[in-house]
């Protein structure tokens, strides 16, 4: 495990934040490139996605703030300390979902269903990459095990091994991305060839696979 990437004087750069930043950056770039695939207005989509991203950040931290509101009320400087309580994916997804939904209600150019189709696969890709940050940080670890894939985490006593569920999660998310890309290609080719009405398919499947 490498929770600290490097230090600049007394300022610590943690691996968890860097890996998740890279994961989210790649996901955003990927999502922007997918806008043309669903014939969405790029300028309007960027505004909605920016709002959804902000709401995602709030949603990812909201459960921690709610659970320990007294601590943050007494020490507001801790609000930006992501190492305290970490972030939660369910909260992040709900935050992005409702942020985008709210913006789409006031947009005449963007279909919320199509926007979800655009974002679903990049979101799983972000999870696949970002979970390595969890593994290197030693958080979100699994139960004790003697299985051949079990590893020793830094915060555990000597001789204690656990399932690296972060890696399992990453691999499954990557497989989900590949599967959804294949399904999406088939659906879009049929839709274009037969001029069928659009129905969201990829986003619901992504949510099922995520759960």
Foldseek 3Di string as FASTA:
>chain_A
DFQFPDDDVPRTDGLLVVQLVVLVVVLVVQLLVCCVVLPADNVLLVVLQVQLQVQLVCQFCVVVCVVPVVVCVVPVVCSPVCVRVHTDNVRSVVRSLVSSVVSVVPDPGDDSLVSLLSNLLSVLSSLLRSLVSCLNSQPPWADWDPDPQWDDGPVDDPPTTTHSVSNVSNVLSVVLSVVLVVVVVVVSVCCVVVVDDDDRDSNVSSVVSND
